[in-house]
PDB file of N, CA and C in Angstrom:
ATOM      1  N   MET A   1       0.866  -1.060   0.111  1.00  0.00           N
ATOM      2  CA  MET A   1       0.010  -0.002   0.053  1.00  0.00           C
ATOM      3  C   MET A   1       0.813   1.299   0.058  1.00  0.00           C
ATOM      4  N   GLN A   2       0.306   2.213  -0.921  1.00  0.00           N
ATOM      5  CA  GLN A   2       1.269   3.451  -0.875  1.00  0.00           C
ATOM      6  C   GLN A   2       0.961   4.519   0.036  1.00  0.00           C
ATOM      7  N   PRO A   3       1.757   5.245   0.592  1.00  0.00           N
ATOM      8  CA  PRO A   3       1.517   6.276   1.382  1.00  0.00           C
ATOM      9  C   PRO A   3       0.720   7.273   0.754  1.00  0.00           C
ATOM     10  N   PRO A   4      -0.060   8.101   1.578  1.00  0.00           N
ATOM     11  CA  PRO A   4      -1.039   9.079   0.957  1.00  0.00           C
ATOM     12  C   PRO A   4       0.019  10.317   0.357  1.00  0.00           C
ATOM     13  N   ILE A   5      -0.470  10.719  -0.619  1.00  0.00           N
ATOM     14  CA  ILE A   5       0.160  11.814  -1.291  1.00  0.00           C
ATOM     15  C   ILE A   5      -0.218  13.235  -0.546  1.00  0.00           C
ATOM     16  N   ASP A   6       0.811  14.069  -0.025  1.00  0.00           N
ATOM     17  CA  ASP A   6       0.414  15.309   0.576  1.00  0.00           C
ATOM     18  C   ASP A   6       0.469  16.334  -0.293  1.00  0.00           C
ATOM     19  N   PHE A   7      -0.684  16.687  -0.877  1.00  0.00           N
ATOM     20  CA  PHE A   7      -0.982  17.659  -1.806  1.00  0.00           C
ATOM     21  C   PHE A   7      -0.660  19.097  -1.230  1.00  0.00           C
ATOM     22  N   SER A   8      -0.522  19.416   0.061  1.00  0.00           N
ATOM     23  CA  SER A   8      -0.253  20.698   0.554  1.00  0.00           C
ATOM     24  C   SER A   8       0.934  21.386   0.067  1.00  0.00           C
ATOM     25  N   SER A   9       1.912  20.327   0.088  1.00  0.00           N
ATOM     26  CA  SER A   9       3.338  20.664  -0.614  1.00  0.00           C
ATOM     27  C   SER A   9       3.247  21.021  -2.136  1.00  0.00           C
ATOM     28  N   LEU A  10       2.320  20.533  -2.658  1.00  0.00           N
ATOM     29  CA  LEU A  10       2.298  20.876  -4.219  1.00  0.00           C
ATOM     30  C   LEU A  10       1.763  22.099  -4.796  1.00  0.00           C
ATOM     31  N   ILE A  11       0.532  22.254  -3.961  1.00  0.00           N
ATOM     32  CA  ILE A  11      -0.288  23.259  -4.347  1.00  0.00           C
ATOM     33  C   ILE A  11      -0.379  24.433  -3.356  1.00  0.00           C
ATOM     34  N   GLN A  12       0.346  25.740  -3.624  1.00  0.00           N
ATOM     35  CA  GLN A  12       0.408  26.558  -2.648  1.00  0.00           C
ATOM     36  C   GLN A  12      -0.128  27.736  -3.279  1.00  0.00           C
ATOM     37  N   VAL A  13      -1.470  28.175  -3.078  1.00  0.00           N
ATOM     38  CA  VAL A  13      -2.220  29.282  -3.806  1.00  0.00           C
ATOM     39  C   VAL A  13      -2.320  30.259  -2.481  1.00  0.00           C
ATOM     40  N   THR A  14      -1.712  31.319  -2.751  1.00  0.00           N
ATOM     41  CA  THR A  14      -1.852  32.436  -1.560  1.00  0.00           C
ATOM     42  C   THR A  14      -2.827  33.751  -2.230  1.00  0.00           C
ATOM     43  N   LEU A  15      -3.718  34.057  -1.616  1.00  0.00           N
ATOM     44  CA  LEU A  15      -4.729  35.246  -1.927  1.00  0.00           C
ATOM     45  C   LEU A  15      -4.003  36.413  -1.378  1.00  0.00           C
ATOM     46  N   PRO A  16      -4.265  37.307  -2.089  1.00  0.00           N
ATOM     47  CA  PRO A  16      -3.759  38.858  -1.539  1.00  0.00           C
ATOM     48  C   PRO A  16      -4.361  39.131  -0.295  1.00  0.00           C
ATOM     49  N   LYS A  17      -3.690  39.695   0.594  1.00  0.00           N
ATOM     50  CA  LYS A  17      -4.315  40.191   1.713  1.00  0.00           C
ATOM     51  C   LYS A  17      -4.783  41.560   1.538  1.00  0.00           C
ATOM     52  N   LEU A  18      -6.175  41.869   2.014  1.00  0.00           N
ATOM     53  CA  LEU A  18      -6.887  42.891   1.328  1.00  0.00           C
ATOM     54  C   LEU A  18      -7.335  43.689   2.862  1.00  0.00           C
ATOM     55  N   ALA A  19      -6.806  43.169   4.162  1.00  0.00           N
ATOM     56  CA  ALA A  19      -7.406  43.875   5.377  1.00  0.00           C
ATOM     57  C   ALA A  19      -6.590  45.089   5.226  1.00  0.00           C
ATOM     58  N   GLY A  20      -7.115  46.284   5.823  1.00  0.00           N
ATOM     59  CA  GLY A  20      -6.521  47.625   6.022  1.00  0.00           C
ATOM     60  C   GLY A  20      -6.238  48.459   4.586  1.00  0.00           C
ATOM     61  N   LYS A  21      -6.592  47.963   3.610  1.00  0.00           N
ATOM     62  CA  LYS A  21      -6.470  48.861   2.253  1.00  0.00           C
ATOM     63  C   LYS A  21      -7.609  49.541   2.074  1.00  0.00           C
ATOM     64  N   ASN A  22      -7.460  50.763   1.218  1.00  0.00           N
ATOM     65  CA  ASN A  22      -8.658  51.491   0.692  1.00  0.00           C
ATOM     66  C   ASN A  22      -9.030  50.823  -0.594  1.00  0.00           C
ATOM     67  N   ILE A  23     -10.065  51.398  -1.004  1.00  0.00           N
ATOM     68  CA  ILE A  23     -10.639  50.747  -2.324  1.00  0.00           C
ATOM     69  C   ILE A  23      -9.690  50.655  -3.519  1.00  0.00           C
ATOM     70  N   GLY A  24      -8.892  51.761  -3.561  1.00  0.00           N
ATOM     71  CA  GLY A  24      -7.987  51.814  -4.713  1.00  0.00           C
ATOM     72  C   GLY A  24      -7.038  50.520  -4.644  1.00  0.00           C
ATOM     73  N   GLU A  25      -6.531  50.487  -3.737  1.00  0.00           N
ATOM     74  CA  GLU A  25      -5.519  49.275  -3.302  1.00  0.00           C
ATOM     75  C   GLU A  25      -6.145  47.955  -3.496  1.00  0.00           C
ATOM     76  N   ILE A  26      -7.355  47.760  -3.115  1.00  0.00           N
ATOM     77  CA  ILE A  26      -8.033  46.585  -3.261  1.00  0.00           C
ATOM     78  C   ILE A  26      -8.498  46.259  -4.707  1.00  0.00           C
ATOM     79  N   ILE A  27      -8.867  47.332  -5.401  1.00  0.00           N
ATOM     80  CA  ILE A  27      -9.119  47.223  -6.747  1.00  0.00           C
ATOM     81  C   ILE A  27      -7.866  46.962  -7.747  1.00  0.00           C
ATOM     82  N   THR A  28      -6.604  47.530  -7.211  1.00  0.00           N
ATOM     83  CA  THR A  28      -5.390  47.204  -7.948  1.00  0.00           C
ATOM     84  C   THR A  28      -4.911  45.795  -7.565  1.00  0.00           C
ATOM     85  N   THR A  29      -5.288  45.387  -6.414  1.00  0.00           N
ATOM     86  CA  THR A  29      -4.716  43.912  -5.967  1.00  0.00           C
ATOM     87  C   THR A  29      -5.627  42.938  -6.817  1.00  0.00           C
ATOM     88  N   LEU A  30      -6.869  43.431  -7.081  1.00  0.00           N
ATOM     89  CA  LEU A  30      -7.852  42.192  -7.659  1.00  0.00           C
ATOM     90  C   LEU A  30      -7.943  42.351  -9.142  1.00  0.00           C
ATOM     91  N   LEU A  31      -7.557  43.547  -9.758  1.00  0.00           N
ATOM     92  CA  LEU A  31      -7.590  43.668 -11.396  1.00  0.00           C
ATOM     93  C   LEU A  31      -6.887  42.440 -12.077  1.00  0.00           C
ATOM     94  N   PRO A  32      -5.869  41.974 -11.879  1.00  0.00           N
ATOM     95  CA  PRO A  32      -5.088  40.853 -12.506  1.00  0.00           C
ATOM     96  C   PRO A  32      -5.866  39.667 -12.265  1.00  0.00           C
ATOM     97  N   TYR A  33      -6.526  39.420 -11.308  1.00  0.00           N
ATOM     98  CA  TYR A  33      -7.271  37.991 -11.026  1.00  0.00           C
ATOM     99  C   TYR A  33      -8.599  38.258 -11.860  1.00  0.00           C
ATOM    100  N   ILE A  34      -9.177  39.478 -11.745  1.00  0.00           N
ATOM    101  CA  ILE A  34     -10.660  39.561 -12.684  1.00  0.00           C
ATOM    102  C   ILE A  34     -10.239  39.514 -14.048  1.00  0.00           C
ATOM    103  N   PHE A  35      -9.043  39.911 -14.580  1.00  0.00           N
ATOM    104  CA  PHE A  35      -8.635  39.961 -16.049  1.00  0.00           C
ATOM    105  C   PHE A  35      -8.613  38.528 -16.425  1.00  0.00           C
ATOM    106  N   ARG A  36      -7.976  37.669 -15.608  1.00  0.00           N
ATOM    107  CA  ARG A  36      -7.828  36.126 -15.953  1.00  0.00           C
ATOM    108  C   ARG A  36      -9.094  35.457 -15.639  1.00  0.00           C
ATOM    109  N   ILE A  37      -9.996  35.723 -14.737  1.00  0.00           N
ATOM    110  CA  ILE A  37     -11.314  35.256 -14.865  1.00  0.00           C
ATOM    111  C   ILE A  37     -12.175  35.513 -16.035  1.00  0.00           C
ATOM    112  N   VAL A  38     -12.118  36.752 -16.324  1.00  0.00           N
ATOM    113  CA  VAL A  38     -12.795  37.023 -17.486  1.00  0.00           C
ATOM    114  C   VAL A  38     -12.409  36.451 -18.851  1.00  0.00           C
ATOM    115  N   SER A  39     -11.223  36.532 -18.755  1.00  0.00           N
ATOM    116  CA  SER A  39     -10.231  35.664 -19.891  1.00  0.00           C
ATOM    117  C   SER A  39     -10.736  34.362 -20.166  1.00  0.00           C
ATOM    118  N   PHE A  40     -10.859  33.577 -18.915  1.00  0.00           N
ATOM    119  CA  PHE A  40     -11.241  32.175 -19.055  1.00  0.00           C
ATOM    120  C   PHE A  40     -12.779  32.081 -19.318  1.00  0.00           C
ATOM    121  N   ILE A  41     -13.558  32.934 -18.829  1.00  0.00           N
ATOM    122  CA  ILE A  41     -15.126  32.796 -19.343  1.00  0.00           C
ATOM    123  C   ILE A  41     -15.075  33.168 -20.762  1.00  0.00           C
ATOM    124  N   LEU A  42     -14.522  34.135 -21.283  1.00  0.00           N
ATOM    125  CA  LEU A  42     -14.565  34.202 -22.792  1.00  0.00           C
ATOM    126  C   LEU A  42     -14.097  33.154 -23.499  1.00  0.00           C
ATOM    127  N   LEU A  43     -12.821  32.522 -23.105  1.00  0.00           N
ATOM    128  CA  LEU A  43     -12.596  31.366 -23.744  1.00  0.00           C
ATOM    129  C   LEU A  43     -13.640  30.254 -23.615  1.00  0.00           C
ATOM    130  N   PHE A  44     -14.074  29.863 -22.369  1.00  0.00           N
ATOM    131  CA  PHE A  44     -15.189  28.978 -22.412  1.00  0.00           C
ATOM    132  C   PHE A  44     -16.410  29.267 -23.040  1.00  0.00           C
ATOM    133  N   LEU A  45     -16.741  30.377 -23.358  1.00  0.00           N
ATOM    134  CA  LEU A  45     -17.967  30.935 -23.998  1.00  0.00           C
ATOM    135  C   LEU A  45     -17.600  30.564 -25.537  1.00  0.00           C
ATOM    136  N   LEU A  46     -16.488  31.007 -25.962  1.00  0.00           N
ATOM    137  CA  LEU A  46     -16.075  30.916 -27.429  1.00  0.00           C
ATOM    138  C   LEU A  46     -15.956  29.310 -27.665  1.00  0.00           C
ATOM    139  N   VAL A  47     -15.600  28.563 -26.848  1.00  0.00           N
ATOM    140  CA  VAL A  47     -15.468  26.952 -27.254  1.00  0.00           C
ATOM    141  C   VAL A  47     -16.850  26.587 -27.274  1.00  0.00           C
ATOM    142  N   LEU A  48     -17.678  26.900 -26.322  1.00  0.00           N
ATOM    143  CA  LEU A  48     -19.210  26.506 -26.181  1.00  0.00           C
ATOM    144  C   LEU A  48     -19.815  26.745 -27.312  1.00  0.00           C
ATOM    145  N   GLY A  49     -19.628  28.041 -27.876  1.00  0.00           N
ATOM    146  CA  GLY A  49     -20.458  28.537 -29.038  1.00  0.00           C
ATOM    147  C   GLY A  49     -19.708  27.721 -30.298  1.00  0.00           C
ATOM    148  N   GLY A  50     -18.766  27.613 -30.440  1.00  0.00           N
ATOM    149  CA  GLY A  50     -17.950  26.864 -31.365  1.00  0.00           C
ATOM    150  C   GLY A  50     -18.423  25.319 -31.461  1.00  0.00           C
ATOM    151  N   TYR A  51     -18.671  24.807 -30.287  1.00  0.00           N
ATOM    152  CA  TYR A  51     -19.174  23.448 -30.084  1.00  0.00           C
ATOM    153  C   TYR A  51     -20.734  23.270 -30.547  1.00  0.00           C
ATOM    154  N   GLU A  52     -21.281  24.270 -30.083  1.00  0.00           N
ATOM    155  CA  GLU A  52     -22.874  24.423 -30.434  1.00  0.00           C
ATOM    156  C   GLU A  52     -23.055  24.420 -32.068  1.00  0.00           C
ATOM    157  N   ILE A  53     -22.210  25.242 -32.534  1.00  0.00           N
ATOM    158  CA  ILE A  53     -22.225  25.116 -34.257  1.00  0.00           C
ATOM    159  C   ILE A  53     -21.727  23.788 -34.711  1.00  0.00           C
ATOM    160  N   LEU A  54     -20.768  23.448 -34.166  1.00  0.00           N
ATOM    161  CA  LEU A  54     -20.310  22.049 -34.779  1.00  0.00           C
ATOM    162  C   LEU A  54     -21.379  20.861 -34.636  1.00  0.00           C
ATOM    163  N   THR A  55     -21.953  20.807 -33.462  1.00  0.00           N
ATOM    164  CA  THR A  55     -23.024  19.832 -33.352  1.00  0.00           C
ATOM    165  C   THR A  55     -24.410  20.100 -33.745  1.00  0.00           C
ATOM    166  N   SER A  56     -24.650  21.436 -34.386  1.00  0.00           N
ATOM    167  CA  SER A  56     -25.913  21.697 -34.877  1.00  0.00           C
ATOM    168  C   SER A  56     -26.617  20.976 -35.800  1.00  0.00           C
ATOM    169  N   GLN A  57     -25.733  20.080 -36.521  1.00  0.00           N
ATOM    170  CA  GLN A  57     -26.201  19.132 -37.655  1.00  0.00           C
ATOM    171  C   GLN A  57     -27.009  20.124 -38.777  1.00  0.00           C
ATOM    172  N   GLY A  58     -26.633  21.200 -38.989  1.00  0.00           N
ATOM    173  CA  GLY A  58     -27.287  22.026 -40.134  1.00  0.00           C
ATOM    174  C   GLY A  58     -28.677  22.837 -39.609  1.00  0.00           C
ATOM    175  N   ASP A  59     -29.145  22.626 -38.219  1.00  0.00           N
ATOM    176  CA  ASP A  59     -30.126  23.268 -37.648  1.00  0.00           C
ATOM    177  C   ASP A  59     -29.943  24.715 -37.539  1.00  0.00           C
ATOM    178  N   PRO A  60     -30.622  25.582 -38.410  1.00  0.00           N
ATOM    179  CA  PRO A  60     -30.397  26.862 -38.474  1.00  0.00           C
ATOM    180  C   PRO A  60     -30.498  27.599 -36.941  1.00  0.00           C
ATOM    181  N   LYS A  61     -31.246  27.017 -36.015  1.00  0.00           N
ATOM    182  CA  LYS A  61     -31.561  27.599 -34.719  1.00  0.00           C
ATOM    183  C   LYS A  61     -30.458  27.596 -33.940  1.00  0.00           C
ATOM    184  N   LYS A  62     -29.939  26.279 -34.043  1.00  0.00           N
ATOM    185  CA  LYS A  62     -28.758  26.033 -33.307  1.00  0.00           C
ATOM    186  C   LYS A  62     -27.374  26.749 -33.789  1.00  0.00           C
ATOM    187  N   VAL A  63     -27.132  26.841 -35.058  1.00  0.00           N
ATOM    188  CA  VAL A  63     -26.153  27.600 -35.668  1.00  0.00           C
ATOM    189  C   VAL A  63     -26.218  29.037 -35.346  1.00  0.00           C
ATOM    190  N   ALA A  64     -27.321  29.543 -35.296  1.00  0.00           N
ATOM    191  CA  ALA A  64     -27.833  31.163 -34.946  1.00  0.00           C
ATOM    192  C   ALA A  64     -27.559  31.192 -33.223  1.00  0.00           C
ATOM    193  N   SER A  65     -27.691  30.151 -32.684  1.00  0.00           N
ATOM    194  CA  SER A  65     -27.559  30.279 -31.268  1.00  0.00           C
ATOM    195  C   SER A  65     -26.071  30.315 -30.868  1.00  0.00           C
ATOM    196  N   GLY A  66     -25.301  29.525 -31.609  1.00  0.00           N
ATOM    197  CA  GLY A  66     -23.878  29.427 -31.391  1.00  0.00           C
ATOM    198  C   GLY A  66     -23.413  30.472 -31.677  1.00  0.00           C
ATOM    199  N   ASN A  67     -23.599  31.235 -32.833  1.00  0.00           N
ATOM    200  CA  ASN A  67     -23.209  32.614 -33.269  1.00  0.00           C
ATOM    201  C   ASN A  67     -23.376  33.641 -32.270  1.00  0.00           C
ATOM    202  N   GLN A  68     -24.446  33.359 -31.802  1.00  0.00           N
ATOM    203  CA  GLN A  68     -25.012  34.482 -30.867  1.00  0.00           C
ATOM    204  C   GLN A  68     -24.090  34.581 -29.518  1.00  0.00           C
ATOM    205  N   ARG A  69     -23.799  33.274 -29.195  1.00  0.00           N
ATOM    206  CA  ARG A  69     -23.232  33.097 -27.998  1.00  0.00           C
ATOM    207  C   ARG A  69     -21.769  33.662 -28.182  1.00  0.00           C
ATOM    208  N   ILE A  70     -21.113  33.629 -29.221  1.00  0.00           N
ATOM    209  CA  ILE A  70     -19.739  33.898 -29.541  1.00  0.00           C
ATOM    210  C   ILE A  70     -19.922  35.378 -29.770  1.00  0.00           C
ATOM    211  N   LEU A  71     -20.634  35.939 -30.311  1.00  0.00           N
ATOM    212  CA  LEU A  71     -20.647  37.394 -30.623  1.00  0.00           C
ATOM    213  C   LEU A  71     -20.864  38.076 -29.360  1.00  0.00           C
ATOM    214  N   TYR A  72     -21.864  37.579 -28.378  1.00  0.00           N
ATOM    215  CA  TYR A  72     -22.040  38.345 -26.934  1.00  0.00           C
ATOM    216  C   TYR A  72     -20.628  38.024 -26.299  1.00  0.00           C
ATOM    217  N   ALA A  73     -20.083  37.026 -26.373  1.00  0.00           N
ATOM    218  CA  ALA A  73     -18.904  36.882 -25.429  1.00  0.00           C
ATOM    219  C   ALA A  73     -17.840  37.615 -25.949  1.00  0.00           C
ATOM    220  N   VAL A  74     -17.673  37.905 -27.265  1.00  0.00           N
ATOM    221  CA  VAL A  74     -16.750  38.955 -27.897  1.00  0.00           C
ATOM    222  C   VAL A  74     -17.106  40.496 -27.497  1.00  0.00           C
ATOM    223  N   ILE A  75     -18.338  40.795 -27.574  1.00  0.00           N
ATOM    224  CA  ILE A  75     -18.765  42.072 -27.204  1.00  0.00           C
ATOM    225  C   ILE A  75     -18.566  42.366 -25.718  1.00  0.00           C
ATOM    226  N   GLY A  76     -18.840  41.542 -25.003  1.00  0.00           N
ATOM    227  CA  GLY A  76     -18.651  41.730 -23.283  1.00  0.00           C
ATOM    228  C   GLY A  76     -17.304  41.825 -23.220  1.00  0.00           C
ATOM    229  N   PHE A  77     -16.266  41.025 -23.818  1.00  0.00           N
ATOM    230  CA  PHE A  77     -14.971  41.242 -23.512  1.00  0.00           C
ATOM    231  C   PHE A  77     -14.416  42.548 -24.112  1.00  0.00           C
ATOM    232  N   ILE A  78     -14.891  43.042 -25.194  1.00  0.00           N
ATOM    233  CA  ILE A  78     -14.430  44.280 -25.880  1.00  0.00           C
ATOM    234  C   ILE A  78     -14.943  45.489 -24.914  1.00  0.00           C
ATOM    235  N   ILE A  79     -16.187  45.500 -24.380  1.00  0.00           N
ATOM    236  CA  ILE A  79     -16.732  46.290 -23.436  1.00  0.00           C
ATOM    237  C   ILE A  79     -15.745  46.485 -22.313  1.00  0.00           C
ATOM    238  N   MET A  80     -15.230  45.141 -21.647  1.00  0.00           N
ATOM    239  CA  MET A  80     -14.504  45.322 -20.636  1.00  0.00           C
ATOM    240  C   MET A  80     -13.265  46.086 -20.861  1.00  0.00           C
ATOM    241  N   LEU A  81     -12.593  45.411 -21.985  1.00  0.00           N
ATOM    242  CA  LEU A  81     -11.258  46.067 -22.319  1.00  0.00           C
ATOM    243  C   LEU A  81     -11.282  47.417 -22.577  1.00  0.00           C
ATOM    244  N   THR A  82     -12.425  47.984 -23.361  1.00  0.00           N
ATOM    245  CA  THR A  82     -12.533  49.354 -23.765  1.00  0.00           C
ATOM    246  C   THR A  82     -12.496  50.325 -22.376  1.00  0.00           C
ATOM    247  N   SER A  83     -13.579  49.708 -21.504  1.00  0.00           N
ATOM    248  CA  SER A  83     -13.709  50.528 -20.185  1.00  0.00           C
ATOM    249  C   SER A  83     -12.206  50.641 -19.511  1.00  0.00           C
ATOM    250  N   PHE A  84     -11.592  49.536 -19.382  1.00  0.00           N
ATOM    251  CA  PHE A  84     -10.174  49.659 -18.690  1.00  0.00           C
ATOM    252  C   PHE A  84      -9.382  50.695 -19.417  1.00  0.00           C
ATOM    253  N   LEU A  85      -9.318  50.564 -20.625  1.00  0.00           N
ATOM    254  CA  LEU A  85      -8.477  51.430 -21.564  1.00  0.00           C
ATOM    255  C   LEU A  85      -8.928  52.914 -21.523  1.00  0.00           C
ATOM    256  N   LEU A  86     -10.005  53.027 -21.636  1.00  0.00           N
ATOM    257  CA  LEU A  86     -10.583  54.543 -21.586  1.00  0.00           C
ATOM    258  C   LEU A  86     -10.502  54.978 -20.043  1.00  0.00           C
ATOM    259  N   VAL A  87     -10.606  54.525 -19.074  1.00  0.00           N
ATOM    260  CA  VAL A  87     -10.358  54.867 -17.629  1.00  0.00           C
ATOM    261  C   VAL A  87      -8.887  55.099 -17.624  1.00  0.00           C
ATOM    262  N   ARG A  88      -7.930  54.184 -17.960  1.00  0.00           N
ATOM    263  CA  ARG A  88      -6.643  54.444 -17.898  1.00  0.00           C
ATOM    264  C   ARG A  88      -6.290  55.634 -18.506  1.00  0.00           C
ATOM    265  N   THR A  89      -6.532  55.685 -19.812  1.00  0.00           N
ATOM    266  CA  THR A  89      -6.082  56.959 -20.624  1.00  0.00           C
ATOM    267  C   THR A  89      -6.574  58.269 -20.065  1.00  0.00           C
ATOM    268  N   ILE A  90      -7.773  58.439 -19.474  1.00  0.00           N
ATOM    269  CA  ILE A  90      -8.300  59.736 -19.035  1.00  0.00           C
ATOM    270  C   ILE A  90      -7.373  59.828 -17.792  1.00  0.00           C
ATOM    271  N   GLY A  91      -7.280  58.830 -17.081  1.00  0.00           N
ATOM    272  CA  GLY A  91      -6.291  59.020 -15.851  1.00  0.00           C
ATOM    273  C   GLY A  91      -4.964  59.661 -16.120  1.00  0.00           C
ATOM    274  N   ARG A  92      -4.388  59.120 -17.144  1.00  0.00           N
ATOM    275  CA  ARG A  92      -3.092  59.789 -17.538  1.00  0.00           C
ATOM    276  C   ARG A  92      -2.984  61.054 -18.166  1.00  0.00           C
ATOM    277  N   ILE A  93      -4.143  61.352 -19.058  1.00  0.00           N
ATOM    278  CA  ILE A  93      -4.312  62.676 -19.643  1.00  0.00           C
ATOM    279  C   ILE A  93      -4.345  63.627 -18.480  1.00  0.00           C
ATOM    280  N   LEU A  94      -5.206  63.336 -17.302  1.00  0.00           N
ATOM    281  CA  LEU A  94      -5.577  64.425 -16.508  1.00  0.00           C
ATOM    282  C   LEU A  94      -4.725  64.184 -15.348  1.00  0.00           C
ATOM    283  N   ASN A  95      -3.648  63.303 -15.531  1.00  0.00           N
ATOM    284  CA  ASN A  95      -2.811  63.076 -14.298  1.00  0.00           C
ATOM    285  C   ASN A  95      -3.342  62.903 -13.047  1.00  0.00           C
ATOM    286  N   ILE A  96      -4.363  61.849 -12.798  1.00  0.00           N
ATOM    287  CA  ILE A  96      -4.987  61.541 -11.656  1.00  0.00           C
ATOM    288  C   ILE A  96      -4.457  60.448 -11.244  1.00  0.00           C
ATOM    289  N   LYS A  97      -3.490  60.869 -10.034  1.00  0.00           N
ATOM    290  CA  LYS A  97      -2.509  59.701  -9.731  1.00  0.00           C
ATOM    291  C   LYS A  97      -3.428  58.481  -8.925  1.00  0.00           C
ATOM    292  N   GLN A  98      -4.497  58.810  -8.317  1.00  0.00           N
ATOM    293  CA  GLN A  98      -5.262  57.571  -7.911  1.00  0.00           C
ATOM    294  C   GLN A  98      -5.613  56.671  -8.928  1.00  0.00           C
ATOM    295  N   ILE A  99      -5.940  57.166 -10.115  1.00  0.00           N
ATOM    296  CA  ILE A  99      -6.368  56.236 -11.219  1.00  0.00           C
ATOM    297  C   ILE A  99      -5.066  55.423 -11.877  1.00  0.00           C
ATOM    298  N   ILE A 100      -3.985  56.426 -11.934  1.00  0.00           N
ATOM    299  CA  ILE A 100      -2.699  55.867 -12.519  1.00  0.00           C
ATOM    300  C   ILE A 100      -2.425  54.740 -11.513  1.00  0.00           C
ATOM    301  N   GLY A 101      -2.487  54.912 -10.211  1.00  0.00           N
ATOM    302  CA  GLY A 101      -2.056  53.869  -9.468  1.00  0.00           C
ATOM    303  C   GLY A 101      -2.936  52.629  -9.485  1.00  0.00           C
ATOM    304  N   ILE A 102      -4.348  52.772  -9.610  1.00  0.00           N
ATOM    305  CA  ILE A 102      -5.015  51.619  -9.801  1.00  0.00           C
ATOM    306  C   ILE A 102      -4.794  50.797 -11.079  1.00  0.00           C
ATOM    307  N   PHE A 103      -4.741  51.536 -12.255  1.00  0.00           N
ATOM    308  CA  PHE A 103      -4.650  50.735 -13.540  1.00  0.00           C
ATOM    309  C   PHE A 103      -3.280  50.864 -14.197  1.00  0.00           C
ATOM    310  N   GLY A 104      -2.185  51.217 -13.420  1.00  0.00           N
ATOM    311  CA  GLY A 104      -0.893  50.984 -13.943  1.00  0.00           C
ATOM    312  C   GLY A 104      -0.377  52.003 -14.992  1.00  0.00           C
TER     313      GLY A 104
END
C-alpha cells in the first residue's frame, strides 16, 4: 500500500491580503485576477459557441444560437477592455494619481 500523497506541499495558492487597504488598493490588487477570470470565461464561451455550431447538424436555430453566444462573448470582452483602456487613458491625460495607481 502506497503512503498518502501530501498535496499541501504541491499546491500553494496565496490570496492577496486585503485587510486595512483602501478601495483603490483593493481594486489594484484584484484587477489581475479579474482579468484572468474574464479571459477564461471568454475562452469557455467561445469554445461552447463553437461546439454548439459544430454539433448543430445544420439546424439553423442551433447555428444562430452558437453564433449569438460567440458574438455576445466577444462584445462583453470588448466592453470590458475598452472601459479599462478608457479609464486608464483619462487618468493619464488628467494626471490623476489615484487612477494611474489603480490601472498602472
